C-alpha atoms as a PDB file:
ATOM      1  CA  MET A   1     -88.312   6.710  71.334  1.00  0.00           C
ATOM      2  CA  ALA A   2     -90.817   6.571  68.426  1.00  0.00           C
ATOM      3  CA  ILE A   3     -91.444  10.300  68.753  1.00  0.00           C
ATOM      4  CA  ASP A   4     -87.703  10.942  68.724  1.00  0.00           C
ATOM      5  CA  ARG A   5     -87.248   8.969  65.518  1.00  0.00           C
ATOM      6  CA  ILE A   6     -90.047  10.887  63.811  1.00  0.00           C
ATOM      7  CA  THR A   7     -88.497  14.152  64.929  1.00  0.00           C
ATOM      8  CA  VAL A   8     -85.098  13.153  63.607  1.00  0.00           C
ATOM      9  CA  THR A   9     -86.630  12.143  60.290  1.00  0.00           C
ATOM     10  CA  LEU A  10     -88.460  15.452  59.945  1.00  0.00           C
ATOM     11  CA  ILE A  11     -85.298  17.365  60.766  1.00  0.00           C
ATOM     12  CA  ALA A  12     -83.370  15.402  58.123  1.00  0.00           C
ATOM     13  CA  LEU A  13     -86.038  16.031  55.480  1.00  0.00           C
ATOM     14  CA  THR A  14     -86.140  19.720  56.353  1.00  0.00           C
ATOM     15  CA  ALA A  15     -82.362  19.942  56.056  1.00  0.00           C
ATOM     16  CA  GLY A  16     -82.503  18.237  52.682  1.00  0.00           C
ATOM     17  CA  VAL A  17     -85.136  20.646  51.388  1.00  0.00           C
ATOM     18  CA  TRP A  18     -83.080  23.615  52.547  1.00  0.00           C
ATOM     19  CA  ALA A  19     -79.993  22.197  50.853  1.00  0.00           C
ATOM     20  CA  MET A  20     -81.893  21.968  47.567  1.00  0.00           C
ATOM     21  CA  VAL A  21     -83.199  25.515  47.962  1.00  0.00           C
ATOM     22  CA  LEU A  22     -79.708  26.837  48.628  1.00  0.00           C
ATOM     23  CA  PHE A  23     -78.310  24.958  45.604  1.00  0.00           C
ATOM     24  CA  VAL A  24     -80.968  26.390  43.293  1.00  0.00           C
ATOM     25  CA  ALA A  25     -80.374  29.877  44.690  1.00  0.00           C
ATOM     26  CA  TRP A  26     -76.627  29.528  44.104  1.00  0.00           C
ATOM     27  CA  ALA A  27     -77.181  28.383  40.521  1.00  0.00           C
ATOM     28  CA  VAL A  28     -79.502  31.320  39.804  1.00  0.00           C
ATOM     29  CA  VAL A  29     -77.085  33.820  41.322  1.00  0.00           C
ATOM     30  CA  SER A  30     -74.139  32.406  39.338  1.00  0.00           C
ATOM     31  CA  LEU A  31     -75.833  32.749  35.925  1.00  0.00           C
ATOM     32  CA  PRO A  32     -75.204  36.495  35.534  1.00  0.00           C
ATOM     33  CA  THR A  33     -71.531  35.930  36.322  1.00  0.00           C
ATOM     34  CA  THR A  34     -71.272  33.314  33.577  1.00  0.00           C
ATOM     35  CA  ALA A  35     -72.942  35.693  31.145  1.00  0.00           C
ATOM     36  CA  VAL A  36     -70.508  38.454  32.021  1.00  0.00           C
ATOM     37  CA  GLU A  37     -67.547  36.143  31.506  1.00  0.00           C
ATOM     38  CA  ALA A  38     -68.897  34.997  28.137  1.00  0.00           C
ATOM     39  CA  SER A  39     -69.276  38.640  27.079  1.00  0.00           C
ATOM     40  CA  ASP A  40     -65.494  39.025  27.381  1.00  0.00           C
ATOM     41  CA  VAL A  41     -65.173  37.104  24.093  1.00  0.00           C
ATOM     42  CA  HIS A  42     -65.033  39.710  21.313  1.00  0.00           C
ATOM     43  CA  GLN A  43     -67.146  38.890  18.290  1.00  0.00           C
ATOM     44  CA  CYS A  44     -65.667  40.145  15.018  1.00  0.00           C
ATOM     45  CA  ASP A  45     -66.389  40.478  11.317  1.00  0.00           C
ATOM     46  CA  PRO A  46     -63.624  38.988   9.146  1.00  0.00           C
ATOM     47  CA  ARG A  47     -64.519  41.427   6.376  1.00  0.00           C
ATOM     48  CA  ARG A  48     -63.278  44.319   8.519  1.00  0.00           C
ATOM     49  CA  PRO A  49     -59.607  44.983   9.450  1.00  0.00           C
ATOM     50  CA  ASP A  50     -58.501  43.213  12.636  1.00  0.00           C
ATOM     51  CA  GLU A  51     -57.106  46.398  14.180  1.00  0.00           C
ATOM     52  CA  GLU A  52     -60.564  47.994  14.145  1.00  0.00           C
ATOM     53  CA  GLN A  53     -62.223  45.310  16.255  1.00  0.00           C
ATOM     54  CA  CYS A  54     -59.658  43.114  18.068  1.00  0.00           C
ATOM     55  CA  PRO A  55     -56.988  43.868  20.713  1.00  0.00           C
ATOM     56  CA  ASP A  56     -53.404  44.316  19.540  1.00  0.00           C
ATOM     57  CA  ASP A  57     -52.363  40.738  20.271  1.00  0.00           C
ATOM     58  CA  GLN A  58     -55.427  39.139  18.637  1.00  0.00           C
ATOM     59  CA  TRP A  59     -56.939  38.632  15.199  1.00  0.00           C
ATOM     60  CA  CYS A  60     -60.315  37.512  13.887  1.00  0.00           C
ATOM     61  CA  VAL A  61     -60.593  33.709  13.610  1.00  0.00           C
ATOM     62  CA  HIS A  62     -63.947  32.167  12.682  1.00  0.00           C
ATOM     63  CA  GLY A  63     -65.867  35.197  13.975  1.00  0.00           C
ATOM     64  CA  GLU A  64     -64.084  35.619  17.339  1.00  0.00           C
ATOM     65  CA  CYS A  65     -61.018  37.640  18.332  1.00  0.00           C
ATOM     66  CA  THR A  66     -58.370  35.025  19.071  1.00  0.00           C
ATOM     67  CA  PRO A  67     -54.820  35.489  20.455  1.00  0.00           C
ATOM     68  CA  HIS A  68     -51.945  34.985  18.047  1.00  0.00           C
ATOM     69  CA  GLU A  69     -50.073  31.799  18.835  1.00  0.00           C
ATOM     70  CA  GLU A  70     -46.356  32.354  19.152  1.00  0.00           C
ATOM     71  CA  PRO A  71     -44.515  29.979  16.798  1.00  0.00           C
ATOM     72  CA  GLN A  72     -42.111  27.488  18.306  1.00  0.00           C
ATOM     73  CA  VAL A  73     -38.416  28.333  18.124  1.00  0.00           C
ATOM     74  CA  ALA A  74     -36.315  25.996  15.978  1.00  0.00           C
ATOM     75  CA  GLN A  75     -32.845  24.899  17.067  1.00  0.00           C
ATOM     76  CA  ARG A  76     -29.762  24.238  14.941  1.00  0.00           C
ATOM     77  CA  GLY A  77     -30.463  21.718  12.208  1.00  0.00           C
ATOM     78  CA  GLU A  78     -34.246  21.863  12.680  1.00  0.00           C
ATOM     79  CA  GLN A  79     -36.618  22.963   9.898  1.00  0.00           C
ATOM     80  CA  CYS A  80     -37.516  26.656   9.993  1.00  0.00           C
ATOM     81  CA  ARG A  81     -40.196  26.946   7.330  1.00  0.00           C
ATOM     82  CA  ASP A  82     -43.009  27.600   9.813  1.00  0.00           C
ATOM     83  CA  CYS A  83     -41.115  28.825  12.873  1.00  0.00           C
ATOM     84  CA  PRO A  84     -38.234  31.226  13.609  1.00  0.00           C
ATOM     85  CA  CYS A  85     -34.713  30.111  14.457  1.00  0.00           C
ATOM     86  CA  ASP A  86     -33.284  30.531  17.949  1.00  0.00           C
ATOM     87  CA  VAL A  87     -30.998  33.440  18.850  1.00  0.00           C
ATOM     88  CA  GLY A  88     -27.737  33.347  16.882  1.00  0.00           C
ATOM     89  CA  LEU A  89     -29.193  31.144  14.127  1.00  0.00           C
ATOM     90  CA  ARG A  90     -30.747  31.955  10.766  1.00  0.00           C
ATOM     91  CA  CYS A  91     -32.902  30.033   8.324  1.00  0.00           C
ATOM     92  CA  GLY A  92     -30.750  28.712   5.475  1.00  0.00           C
ATOM     93  CA  ALA A  93     -31.631  27.970   1.852  1.00  0.00           C
ATOM     94  CA  ASP A  94     -32.322  24.371   2.847  1.00  0.00           C
ATOM     95  CA  LEU A  95     -34.866  25.670   5.410  1.00  0.00           C
ATOM     96  CA  ARG A  96     -32.762  24.468   8.338  1.00  0.00           C
ATOM     97  CA  CYS A  97     -31.439  26.645  11.158  1.00  0.00           C
ATOM     98  CA  ARG A  98     -27.724  27.301  10.931  1.00  0.00           C
ATOM     99  CA  PRO A  99     -25.235  29.687  12.614  1.00  0.00           C
ATOM    100  CA  SER A 100     -25.447  33.244  11.306  1.00  0.00           C
ATOM    101  CA  ASN A 101     -21.796  33.272  10.236  1.00  0.00           C
ATOM    102  CA  GLU A 102     -22.063  30.080   8.197  1.00  0.00           C
ATOM    103  CA  PRO A 103     -21.834  30.737   4.416  1.00  0.00           C
ATOM    104  CA  GLU A 104     -25.116  30.532   2.512  1.00  0.00           C
ATOM    105  CA  ALA A 105     -25.464  27.890  -0.180  1.00  0.00           C
ATOM    106  CA  PRO A 106     -26.192  29.170  -3.723  1.00  0.00           C
ATOM    107  CA  ALA A 107     -29.784  29.156  -4.935  1.00  0.00           C
ATOM    108  CA  PRO A 108     -30.585  25.662  -6.203  1.00  0.00           C
ATOM    109  CA  THR A 109     -31.509  24.865  -9.799  1.00  0.00           C
ATOM    110  CA  CYS A 110     -32.386  21.629 -11.528  1.00  0.00           C
ATOM    111  CA  GLY A 111     -29.284  19.485 -11.507  1.00  0.00           C
ATOM    112  CA  ASP A 112     -27.959  20.947  -8.277  1.00  0.00           C
ATOM    113  CA  PRO A 113     -27.475  18.424  -5.464  1.00  0.00           C
ATOM    114  CA  ALA A 114     -29.980  20.233  -3.214  1.00  0.00           C
ATOM    115  CA  VAL A 115     -32.753  19.995  -5.798  1.00  0.00           C
ATOM    116  CA  GLU A 116     -31.930  16.421  -6.751  1.00  0.00           C
ATOM    117  CA  ALA A 117     -31.897  15.415  -3.083  1.00  0.00           C
ATOM    118  CA  ALA A 118     -35.278  17.090  -2.513  1.00  0.00           C
ATOM    119  CA  VAL A 119     -36.777  15.390  -5.566  1.00  0.00           C
ATOM    120  CA  SER A 120     -35.411  12.023  -4.462  1.00  0.00           C
ATOM    121  CA  GLN A 121     -36.865  12.461  -0.957  1.00  0.00           C
ATOM    122  CA  LEU A 122     -40.208  13.555  -2.379  1.00  0.00           C
ATOM    123  CA  THR A 123     -40.368  10.516  -4.634  1.00  0.00           C
ATOM    124  CA  GLN A 124     -39.355   8.035  -1.958  1.00  0.00           C
ATOM    125  CA  ALA A 125     -41.840   9.512   0.531  1.00  0.00           C
ATOM    126  CA  CYS A 126     -44.669   9.270  -1.974  1.00  0.00           C
ATOM    127  CA  LEU A 127     -43.824   5.765  -3.086  1.00  0.00           C
ATOM    128  CA  LYS A 128     -43.947   4.622   0.530  1.00  0.00           C
ATOM    129  CA  ARG A 129     -47.444   6.084   0.804  1.00  0.00           C
ATOM    130  CA  ARG A 130     -48.843   4.285  -2.260  1.00  0.00           C
ATOM    131  CA  THR A 131     -52.191   2.670  -1.654  1.00  0.00           C
ATOM    132  CA  SER A 132     -53.106   1.642  -5.188  1.00  0.00           C
ATOM    133  CA  VAL A 133     -53.066  -2.154  -5.575  1.00  0.00           C
ATOM    134  CA  GLN A 134     -52.173  -1.780  -9.250  1.00  0.00           C
ATOM    135  CA  ASP A 135     -49.193   0.414  -8.412  1.00  0.00           C
ATOM    136  CA  ARG A 136     -47.968  -2.116  -5.877  1.00  0.00           C
ATOM    137  CA  VAL A 137     -48.248  -4.978  -8.368  1.00  0.00           C
ATOM    138  CA  GLU A 138     -46.623  -3.104 -11.260  1.00  0.00           C
ATOM    139  CA  GLY A 139     -43.930  -1.523  -9.107  1.00  0.00           C
ATOM    140  CA  GLY A 140     -44.392   1.715 -11.038  1.00  0.00           C
ATOM    141  CA  GLU A 141     -42.277   4.790 -10.549  1.00  0.00           C
ATOM    142  CA  GLY A 142     -45.004   7.403 -10.241  1.00  0.00           C
ATOM    143  CA  CYS A 143     -47.586   8.244  -7.628  1.00  0.00           C
ATOM    144  CA  SER A 144     -51.210   9.242  -8.087  1.00  0.00           C
ATOM    145  CA  ALA A 145     -52.484  12.745  -7.436  1.00  0.00           C
ATOM    146  CA  ASP A 146     -54.464  11.491  -4.425  1.00  0.00           C
ATOM    147  CA  GLU A 147     -51.325   9.965  -2.907  1.00  0.00           C
ATOM    148  CA  TRP A 148     -49.446  13.241  -3.352  1.00  0.00           C
ATOM    149  CA  ARG A 149     -52.306  15.076  -1.626  1.00  0.00           C
ATOM    150  CA  ALA A 150     -52.250  12.643   1.286  1.00  0.00           C
ATOM    151  CA  LEU A 151     -48.535  13.289   1.649  1.00  0.00           C
ATOM    152  CA  LEU A 152     -49.061  17.063   1.640  1.00  0.00           C
ATOM    153  CA  ALA A 153     -51.666  16.716   4.378  1.00  0.00           C
ATOM    154  CA  ASP A 154     -49.750  14.394   6.687  1.00  0.00           C
ATOM    155  CA  ASP A 155     -46.005  14.880   6.200  1.00  0.00           C
ATOM    156  CA  ASP A 156     -44.461  17.945   7.868  1.00  0.00           C
ATOM    157  CA  GLN A 157     -41.242  17.374   5.927  1.00  0.00           C
ATOM    158  CA  MET A 158     -43.044  18.152   2.661  1.00  0.00           C
ATOM    159  CA  ASN A 159     -42.997  21.893   3.346  1.00  0.00           C
ATOM    160  CA  ALA A 160     -39.232  21.920   3.760  1.00  0.00           C
ATOM    161  CA  LEU A 161     -38.715  19.846   0.617  1.00  0.00           C
ATOM    162  CA  LEU A 162     -40.913  22.088  -1.539  1.00  0.00           C
ATOM    163  CA  GLY A 163     -38.901  25.100  -0.377  1.00  0.00           C
ATOM    164  CA  ALA A 164     -35.905  23.760  -2.325  1.00  0.00           C
ATOM    165  CA  PHE A 165     -37.480  24.736  -5.645  1.00  0.00           C
ATOM    166  CA  PRO A 166     -36.622  28.370  -6.500  1.00  0.00           C
ATOM    167  CA  ASP A 167     -39.241  28.972  -9.232  1.00  0.00           C
ATOM    168  CA  ARG A 168     -42.217  28.919  -6.857  1.00  0.00           C
ATOM    169  CA  LEU A 169     -44.844  31.617  -7.381  1.00  0.00           C
ATOM    170  CA  VAL A 170     -47.586  33.061  -5.204  1.00  0.00           C
ATOM    171  CA  VAL A 171     -50.942  34.399  -6.424  1.00  0.00           C
ATOM    172  CA  TYR A 172     -52.768  36.647  -3.913  1.00  0.00           C
ATOM    173  CA  PHE A 173     -56.554  36.935  -3.598  1.00  0.00           C
ATOM    174  CA  PRO A 174     -58.835  39.611  -2.108  1.00  0.00           C
ATOM    175  CA  THR A 175     -61.073  38.673   0.835  1.00  0.00           C
ATOM    176  CA  ASN A 176     -63.602  35.918   0.071  1.00  0.00           C
ATOM    177  CA  GLU A 177     -62.702  35.747  -3.632  1.00  0.00           C
ATOM    178  CA  PRO A 178     -63.502  33.990  -5.852  1.00  0.00           C
ATOM    179  CA  LEU A 179     -67.190  33.646  -5.120  1.00  0.00           C
ATOM    180  CA  ALA A 180     -68.863  30.318  -5.840  1.00  0.00           C
ATOM    181  CA  ARG A 181     -69.846  29.743  -9.468  1.00  0.00           C
ATOM    182  CA  GLN A 182     -68.374  33.065 -10.620  1.00  0.00           C
ATOM    183  CA  PRO A 183     -65.337  33.546 -12.886  1.00  0.00           C
ATOM    184  CA  TRP A 184     -62.207  35.077 -11.394  1.00  0.00           C
ATOM    185  CA  PRO A 185     -60.606  37.542 -11.798  1.00  0.00           C
ATOM    186  CA  ALA A 186     -62.704  40.307 -13.303  1.00  0.00           C
ATOM    187  CA  GLN A 187     -62.115  40.838 -17.001  1.00  0.00           C
ATOM    188  CA  ALA A 188     -60.136  44.029 -16.384  1.00  0.00           C
ATOM    189  CA  ALA A 189     -57.617  42.269 -14.093  1.00  0.00           C
ATOM    190  CA  ARG A 190     -57.230  39.068 -16.122  1.00  0.00           C
ATOM    191  CA  PRO A 191     -54.619  40.322 -18.670  1.00  0.00           C
ATOM    192  CA  TYR A 192     -52.293  41.496 -15.902  1.00  0.00           C
ATOM    193  CA  ILE A 193     -52.379  38.205 -13.943  1.00  0.00           C
ATOM    194  CA  VAL A 194     -52.089  36.052 -17.072  1.00  0.00           C
ATOM    195  CA  GLY A 195     -49.174  38.204 -18.249  1.00  0.00           C
ATOM    196  CA  GLU A 196     -47.359  37.818 -14.927  1.00  0.00           C
ATOM    197  CA  LEU A 197     -47.804  34.034 -15.021  1.00  0.00           C
ATOM    198  CA  ALA A 198     -46.652  33.955 -18.668  1.00  0.00           C
ATOM    199  CA  ARG A 199     -43.303  35.412 -17.563  1.00  0.00           C
ATOM    200  CA  HIS A 200     -42.721  32.047 -15.875  1.00  0.00           C
ATOM    201  CA  ALA A 201     -44.051  29.940 -18.760  1.00  0.00           C
ATOM    202  CA  LYS A 202     -40.804  28.010 -19.234  1.00  0.00           C
ATOM    203  CA  ALA A 203     -40.667  26.810 -15.621  1.00  0.00           C
ATOM    204  CA  LEU A 204     -44.393  26.000 -15.627  1.00  0.00           C
ATOM    205  CA  ARG A 205     -44.331  24.144 -18.937  1.00  0.00           C
ATOM    206  CA  GLU A 206     -41.169  22.133 -18.292  1.00  0.00           C
ATOM    207  CA  ALA A 207     -41.963  21.102 -14.712  1.00  0.00           C
ATOM    208  CA  LYS A 208     -42.375  17.396 -14.048  1.00  0.00           C
ATOM    209  CA  ILE A 209     -44.895  18.061 -11.260  1.00  0.00           C
ATOM    210  CA  LEU A 210     -46.762  21.277 -10.486  1.00  0.00           C
ATOM    211  CA  PHE A 211     -47.970  21.644  -6.900  1.00  0.00           C
ATOM    212  CA  VAL A 212     -50.831  24.151  -6.582  1.00  0.00           C
ATOM    213  CA  ILE A 213     -51.533  24.739  -2.869  1.00  0.00           C
ATOM    214  CA  GLY A 214     -54.460  26.922  -1.852  1.00  0.00           C
ATOM    215  CA  ARG A 215     -54.802  28.813   1.423  1.00  0.00           C
ATOM    216  CA  SER A 216     -57.594  30.804   3.023  1.00  0.00           C
ATOM    217  CA  SER A 217     -57.503  32.910   6.164  1.00  0.00           C
ATOM    218  CA  PRO A 218     -59.800  31.728   9.008  1.00  0.00           C
ATOM    219  CA  ASP A 219     -62.665  34.062   8.114  1.00  0.00           C
ATOM    220  CA  GLY A 220     -65.614  31.675   8.309  1.00  0.00           C
ATOM    221  CA  LYS A 221     -66.462  28.103   9.139  1.00  0.00           C
ATOM    222  CA  PRO A 222     -63.556  25.691   8.447  1.00  0.00           C
ATOM    223  CA  ALA A 223     -65.566  23.872   5.745  1.00  0.00           C
ATOM    224  CA  ASP A 224     -66.342  27.173   3.988  1.00  0.00           C
ATOM    225  CA  ASP A 225     -62.700  28.255   4.225  1.00  0.00           C
ATOM    226  CA  HIS A 226     -61.596  24.967   2.663  1.00  0.00           C
ATOM    227  CA  ALA A 227     -64.113  25.344  -0.166  1.00  0.00           C
ATOM    228  CA  LEU A 228     -62.738  28.838  -0.784  1.00  0.00           C
ATOM    229  CA  ALA A 229     -59.160  27.486  -0.934  1.00  0.00           C
ATOM    230  CA  LEU A 230     -60.274  24.919  -3.536  1.00  0.00           C
ATOM    231  CA  ARG A 231     -61.960  27.619  -5.652  1.00  0.00           C
ATOM    232  CA  ARG A 232     -58.711  29.570  -5.568  1.00  0.00           C
ATOM    233  CA  ILE A 233     -56.808  26.517  -6.767  1.00  0.00           C
ATOM    234  CA  ASN A 234     -59.220  26.021  -9.667  1.00  0.00           C
ATOM    235  CA  ALA A 235     -58.971  29.698 -10.624  1.00  0.00           C
ATOM    236  CA  VAL A 236     -55.160  29.629 -10.703  1.00  0.00           C
ATOM    237  CA  GLU A 237     -55.051  26.377 -12.693  1.00  0.00           C
ATOM    238  CA  ARG A 238     -57.278  27.994 -15.345  1.00  0.00           C
ATOM    239  CA  LEU A 239     -55.068  31.097 -15.396  1.00  0.00           C
ATOM    240  CA  ILE A 240     -51.971  28.911 -15.871  1.00  0.00           C
ATOM    241  CA  ASP A 241     -53.692  27.256 -18.848  1.00  0.00           C
ATOM    242  CA  GLN A 242     -54.242  30.690 -20.389  1.00  0.00           C
ATOM    243  CA  ALA A 243     -50.677  31.789 -19.671  1.00  0.00           C
ATOM    244  CA  LEU A 244     -49.413  28.680 -21.485  1.00  0.00           C
ATOM    245  CA  GLY A 245     -51.749  29.188 -24.445  1.00  0.00           C
ATOM    246  CA  ARG A 246     -54.162  26.378 -23.586  1.00  0.00           C
ATOM    247  CA  ASP A 247     -57.837  27.122 -24.148  1.00  0.00           C
ATOM    248  CA  LYS A 248     -59.121  24.346 -21.881  1.00  0.00           C
ATOM    249  CA  PRO A 249     -57.789  21.818 -19.330  1.00  0.00           C
ATOM    250  CA  SER A 250     -58.079  18.929 -21.801  1.00  0.00           C
ATOM    251  CA  GLU A 251     -55.196  20.468 -23.763  1.00  0.00           C
ATOM    252  CA  ARG A 252     -52.706  19.943 -20.929  1.00  0.00           C
ATOM    253  CA  GLY A 253     -51.582  16.782 -22.699  1.00  0.00           C
ATOM    254  CA  GLN A 254     -48.012  15.909 -21.832  1.00  0.00           C
ATOM    255  CA  GLY A 255     -47.585  18.802 -19.421  1.00  0.00           C
ATOM    256  CA  PRO A 256     -46.766  18.399 -15.727  1.00  0.00           C
ATOM    257  CA  MET A 257     -49.030  16.551 -13.318  1.00  0.00           C
ATOM    258  CA  LEU A 258     -51.033  19.150 -11.381  1.00  0.00           C
ATOM    259  CA  ILE A 259     -51.377  18.400  -7.678  1.00  0.00           C
ATOM    260  CA  GLY A 260     -53.968  20.712  -6.117  1.00  0.00           C
ATOM    261  CA  TRP A 261     -54.352  20.711  -2.319  1.00  0.00           C
ATOM    262  CA  GLY A 262     -56.203  23.026   0.064  1.00  0.00           C
ATOM    263  CA  ALA A 263     -54.376  23.745   3.316  1.00  0.00           C
ATOM    264  CA  PRO A 264     -56.605  23.893   6.448  1.00  0.00           C
ATOM    265  CA  SER A 265     -57.433  27.429   7.564  1.00  0.00           C
ATOM    266  CA  ASP A 266     -57.011  26.605  11.267  1.00  0.00           C
ATOM    267  CA  ARG A 267     -53.232  26.486  10.730  1.00  0.00           C
ATOM    268  CA  PRO A 268     -52.512  29.979   9.312  1.00  0.00           C
ATOM    269  CA  VAL A 269     -48.909  30.805   8.552  1.00  0.00           C
ATOM    270  CA  ALA A 270     -47.307  33.788  10.333  1.00  0.00           C
ATOM    271  CA  LEU A 271     -46.249  36.786   8.236  1.00  0.00           C
ATOM    272  CA  LYS A 272     -42.497  36.529   8.867  1.00  0.00           C
ATOM    273  CA  GLN A 273     -42.418  32.789   8.247  1.00  0.00           C
ATOM    274  CA  PHE A 274     -44.344  33.266   5.011  1.00  0.00           C
ATOM    275  CA  VAL A 275     -41.956  35.956   3.773  1.00  0.00           C
ATOM    276  CA  ASP A 276     -38.859  33.975   4.757  1.00  0.00           C
ATOM    277  CA  ASN A 277     -39.924  30.557   3.530  1.00  0.00           C
ATOM    278  CA  TYR A 278     -42.935  30.675   1.194  1.00  0.00           C
ATOM    279  CA  ALA A 279     -42.865  33.913  -0.793  1.00  0.00           C
ATOM    280  CA  GLY A 280     -39.664  33.069  -2.653  1.00  0.00           C
ATOM    281  CA  THR A 281     -37.815  35.574  -4.800  1.00  0.00           C
ATOM    282  CA  GLN A 282     -40.469  36.094  -7.492  1.00  0.00           C
ATOM    283  CA  THR A 283     -42.611  39.236  -7.661  1.00  0.00           C
ATOM    284  CA  PRO A 284     -45.988  38.845  -5.902  1.00  0.00           C
ATOM    285  CA  ILE A 285     -48.861  38.261  -8.355  1.00  0.00           C
ATOM    286  CA  ALA A 286     -52.029  40.107  -7.326  1.00  0.00           C
ATOM    287  CA  VAL A 287     -55.043  41.601  -9.118  1.00  0.00           C
ATOM    288  CA  SER A 288     -53.146  44.737 -10.163  1.00  0.00           C
ATOM    289  CA  ARG A 289     -49.625  46.103 -10.425  1.00  0.00           C
ATOM    290  CA  ALA A 290     -50.328  48.522  -7.577  1.00  0.00           C
ATOM    291  CA  GLU A 291     -51.450  45.663  -5.330  1.00  0.00           C
ATOM    292  CA  SER A 292     -48.378  43.610  -6.279  1.00  0.00           C
ATOM    293  CA  GLU A 293     -46.128  46.550  -5.436  1.00  0.00           C
ATOM    294  CA  ARG A 294     -47.875  47.035  -2.085  1.00  0.00           C
ATOM    295  CA  LEU A 295     -47.226  43.409  -1.150  1.00  0.00           C
ATOM    296  CA  ALA A 296     -43.630  43.557  -2.370  1.00  0.00           C
ATOM    297  CA  ALA A 297     -42.953  46.691  -0.288  1.00  0.00           C
ATOM    298  CA  GLY A 298     -44.425  45.066   2.825  1.00  0.00           C
ATOM    299  CA  PHE A 299     -42.384  41.898   2.339  1.00  0.00           C
ATOM    300  CA  ALA A 300     -39.214  43.952   1.790  1.00  0.00           C
ATOM    301  CA  ALA A 301     -39.795  45.677   5.129  1.00  0.00           C
ATOM    302  CA  VAL A 302     -40.216  42.306   6.875  1.00  0.00           C
ATOM    303  CA  ARG A 303     -36.976  41.014   5.312  1.00  0.00           C
ATOM    304  CA  ALA A 304     -35.213  44.149   6.557  1.00  0.00           C
ATOM    305  CA  GLY A 305     -36.375  43.448  10.109  1.00  0.00           C
ATOM    306  CA  GLN A 306     -38.879  46.320  10.126  1.00  0.00           C
ATOM    307  CA  GLU A 307     -42.526  46.373  11.179  1.00  0.00           C
ATOM    308  CA  PRO A 308     -44.652  47.183   8.111  1.00  0.00           C
ATOM    309  CA  LYS A 309     -47.277  49.870   8.644  1.00  0.00           C
ATOM    310  CA  GLU A 310     -50.006  47.447   7.617  1.00  0.00           C
ATOM    311  CA  SER A 311     -48.581  44.272   9.134  1.00  0.00           C
ATOM    312  CA  ARG A 312     -51.965  43.008  10.346  1.00  0.00           C
ATOM    313  CA  THR A 313     -53.420  43.388   6.849  1.00  0.00           C
ATOM    314  CA  LEU A 314     -50.394  41.590   5.397  1.00  0.00           C
ATOM    315  CA  GLN A 315     -50.937  38.766   7.912  1.00  0.00           C
ATOM    316  CA  ARG A 316     -54.326  38.226   6.295  1.00  0.00           C
ATOM    317  CA  ASP A 317     -52.969  38.626   2.769  1.00  0.00           C
ATOM    318  CA  VAL A 318     -50.403  35.837   3.102  1.00  0.00           C
ATOM    319  CA  ASN A 319     -53.136  33.384   4.067  1.00  0.00           C
ATOM    320  CA  ARG A 320     -55.291  34.261   1.028  1.00  0.00           C
ATOM    321  CA  VAL A 321     -53.015  32.784  -1.594  1.00  0.00           C
ATOM    322  CA  VAL A 322     -52.240  29.983  -3.972  1.00  0.00           C
ATOM    323  CA  LEU A 323     -48.658  28.684  -3.992  1.00  0.00           C
ATOM    324  CA  VAL A 324     -47.484  27.386  -7.371  1.00  0.00           C
ATOM    325  CA  ILE A 325     -44.404  25.168  -7.053  1.00  0.00           C
ATOM    326  CA  PRO A 326     -42.857  23.750 -10.230  1.00  0.00           C
ATOM    327  CA  VAL A 327     -40.733  20.654  -9.556  1.00  0.00           C
ATOM    328  CA  PRO A 328     -38.207  20.717 -12.409  1.00  0.00           C
ATOM    329  CA  CYS A 329     -36.640  17.243 -12.158  1.00  0.00           C
ATOM    330  CA  ALA A 330     -37.964  13.737 -12.581  1.00  0.00           C
ATOM    331  CA  GLY A 331     -38.049  11.474  -9.545  1.00  0.00           C
ATOM    332  CA  THR A 332     -35.946   8.434  -8.942  1.00  0.00           C
ATOM    333  CA  LYS A 333     -37.126   4.864  -8.778  1.00  0.00           C
ATOM    334  CA  GLU A 334     -38.074   3.256  -5.537  1.00  0.00           C
ATOM    335  CA  THR A 335     -35.183   1.898  -3.530  1.00  0.00           C
ATOM    336  CA  ARG A 336     -35.541  -1.542  -2.022  1.00  0.00           C
END
């Protein structure tokens, strides 16, 4: 019996050794397969056009070709700033889906119920977010710039509310501009951009609040993209100062409160949604008249239901922008 037990033990040990050998062999054999699968991920250079390096249904995101995410479809009464309306519905002036045969409301201006309602909702939302102890004690009417930024970051309703203001502008930037610690734009392009902003001087000067929202396409690391969006905000704020005849930021005085906020690059806006809900009715402001006209022609084609020849380039363009949104009316006091 002793010999039998020894034999059984040896057999068990031998089986265990063979099991380990087979496992190691399987792991070694499977490595090439994993490498092949990993090679299916297309690396890309965000400085080159997407169509030259990514499949038709993908674009370059943080150095890898990534499928476009189809936006959700909004139903009747739901906000349609960032997503299309369902069949038979269209996106109304209030950025809500409504039946196609329903009459469109007139464009809102300060004093119109739509604008006043949006301002009231903005104010109430911000007041509820106040974190300053002094504000809570004094029961003040205003909100700090940091509290407005927190609201922009966290409240999806903010996008729909800001769409109620018809004087919003968009400034478009070339890839990766402006560079760190370098002035923007180049001296040759500055008069054109300042002149275009000066055409809207009345709305900019008389606004109660001026939201300046920077975007960057997902070309690099998220932290680098965010830094780029902030540089774009700073560049546009300086250009607005020049358009309004101010030599330096300290001369803003009694002008509107500027609320600068950089949108995260991992949530790029789709071309059609940008044209329908962000671009507004004002002429695009780019580094040259020719570039502005190119953007305007592409947006006109999208509005007409056509596929622009350079739609993939335009998809990048609309995420390399700064939105300037003048809020023309004062807020209301907090309701209790």
